[in-house]
Amino acid sequence: MANTAQARKRARQATAQRDRNMSQRSEMRTAIKKVRKAIEGGDKAAAQAVFQTSMGVIDCIADKKIIHKNKAARHKSRLSQAIKAMA
């Protein structure tokens, strides 16, 4: 356990930050799942619309360095590729 006041404060801040990061990471995963569900639905226009909104969520989380920018790019690329592959 933290002994100094500074260390106790940093521990509190780390807990709060971890909670925020987990929440936003969960929001990103949900956005990705929505796109995958729209792709499985078969409607290309709907999938494209959901993909546009989820791209903003993914970029925002990468900008805050919750995930690496290359991971964000990989997710966006694979989702885009799946949408383009739809008939």
Protein backbone atom coordinates (compact mmCIF):
# COMPACT_ATOMS: atom_id res chain seq x y z
CA MET A 1 0.00 0.00 0.00
CA ALA A 2 1.11 3.56 -0.66
CA ASN A 3 2.84 5.26 2.26
CA THR A 4 3.09 8.90 1.19
CA ALA A 5 0.27 11.29 0.39
CA GLN A 6 1.58 11.65 -3.15
CA ALA A 7 1.57 7.87 -3.69
CA ARG A 8 -1.97 7.57 -2.26
CA LYS A 9 -3.18 10.28 -4.64
CA ARG A 10 -1.49 8.61 -7.62
CA ALA A 11 -3.16 5.32 -6.67
CA ARG A 12 -6.56 7.04 -6.60
CA GLN A 13 -5.88 8.71 -9.94
CA ALA A 14 -4.73 5.44 -11.51
CA THR A 15 -7.94 3.73 -10.43
CA ALA A 16 -10.11 6.48 -11.88
CA GLN A 17 -8.13 6.52 -15.12
CA ARG A 18 -8.33 2.75 -15.46
CA ASP A 19 -12.11 2.91 -15.06
CA ARG A 20 -12.38 5.56 -17.78
CA ASN A 21 -10.11 3.60 -20.11
CA MET A 22 -12.06 0.37 -19.60
CA SER A 23 -15.31 2.16 -20.34
CA GLN A 24 -14.00 3.67 -23.56
CA ARG A 25 -12.37 0.42 -24.66
CA SER A 26 -15.72 -1.30 -24.13
CA GLU A 27 -17.43 1.40 -26.20
CA MET A 28 -14.96 0.71 -29.03
CA ARG A 29 -15.60 -3.03 -28.89
CA THR A 30 -19.35 -2.41 -29.02
CA ALA A 31 -18.93 -0.17 -32.07
CA ILE A 32 -16.93 -2.90 -33.84
CA LYS A 33 -19.58 -5.50 -32.98
CA LYS A 34 -22.30 -3.24 -34.42
CA VAL A 35 -20.43 -3.04 -37.72
CA ARG A 36 -19.91 -6.82 -37.83
CA LYS A 37 -23.60 -7.36 -37.11
CA ALA A 38 -24.57 -4.96 -39.91
CA ILE A 39 -22.24 -6.83 -42.29
CA GLU A 40 -23.86 -10.14 -41.36
CA GLY A 41 -27.25 -8.51 -41.95
CA GLY A 42 -26.33 -8.16 -45.61
CA ASP A 43 -27.31 -4.52 -46.15
CA LYS A 44 -24.23 -2.80 -47.54
CA ALA A 45 -25.59 0.75 -47.16
CA ALA A 46 -26.51 0.18 -43.51
CA ALA A 47 -23.13 -1.42 -42.83
CA GLN A 48 -21.39 1.57 -44.42
CA ALA A 49 -23.38 4.00 -42.28
CA VAL A 50 -22.60 2.14 -39.05
CA PHE A 51 -18.95 1.90 -40.11
CA GLN A 52 -18.72 5.68 -40.53
CA THR A 53 -19.91 6.29 -36.97
CA SER A 54 -17.70 3.58 -35.49
CA MET A 55 -14.63 4.97 -37.26
CA GLY A 56 -14.97 8.13 -35.18
CA VAL A 57 -15.15 6.12 -31.98
CA ILE A 58 -12.07 4.07 -32.90
CA ASP A 59 -10.08 7.17 -33.91
CA CYS A 60 -11.01 9.00 -30.72
CA ILE A 61 -9.81 6.13 -28.55
CA ALA A 62 -6.57 5.88 -30.52
CA ASP A 63 -6.01 9.64 -30.17
CA LYS A 64 -6.32 9.28 -26.39
CA LYS A 65 -3.70 6.48 -26.55
CA ILE A 66 -6.02 3.94 -24.96
CA ILE A 67 -5.17 1.67 -27.88
CA HIS A 68 -2.26 1.98 -30.30
CA LYS A 69 -2.88 3.86 -33.53
CA ASN A 70 -1.82 0.84 -35.58
CA LYS A 71 -4.39 -1.33 -33.81
CA ALA A 72 -7.06 1.24 -34.63
CA ALA A 73 -5.93 1.29 -38.25
CA ARG A 74 -6.00 -2.50 -38.39
CA HIS A 75 -9.57 -2.65 -37.06
CA LYS A 76 -10.77 0.00 -39.51
CA SER A 77 -9.01 -1.68 -42.41
CA ARG A 78 -10.48 -5.10 -41.71
CA LEU A 79 -13.99 -3.74 -41.26
CA SER A 80 -13.69 -1.71 -44.46
CA GLN A 81 -12.40 -4.75 -46.32
CA ALA A 82 -15.35 -6.83 -45.07
CA ILE A 83 -17.82 -4.16 -46.25
CA LYS A 84 -16.19 -3.95 -49.67
CA ALA A 85 -16.36 -7.76 -49.99
CA MET A 86 -20.15 -7.68 -49.64
CA ALA A 87 -21.97 -8.46 -52.86
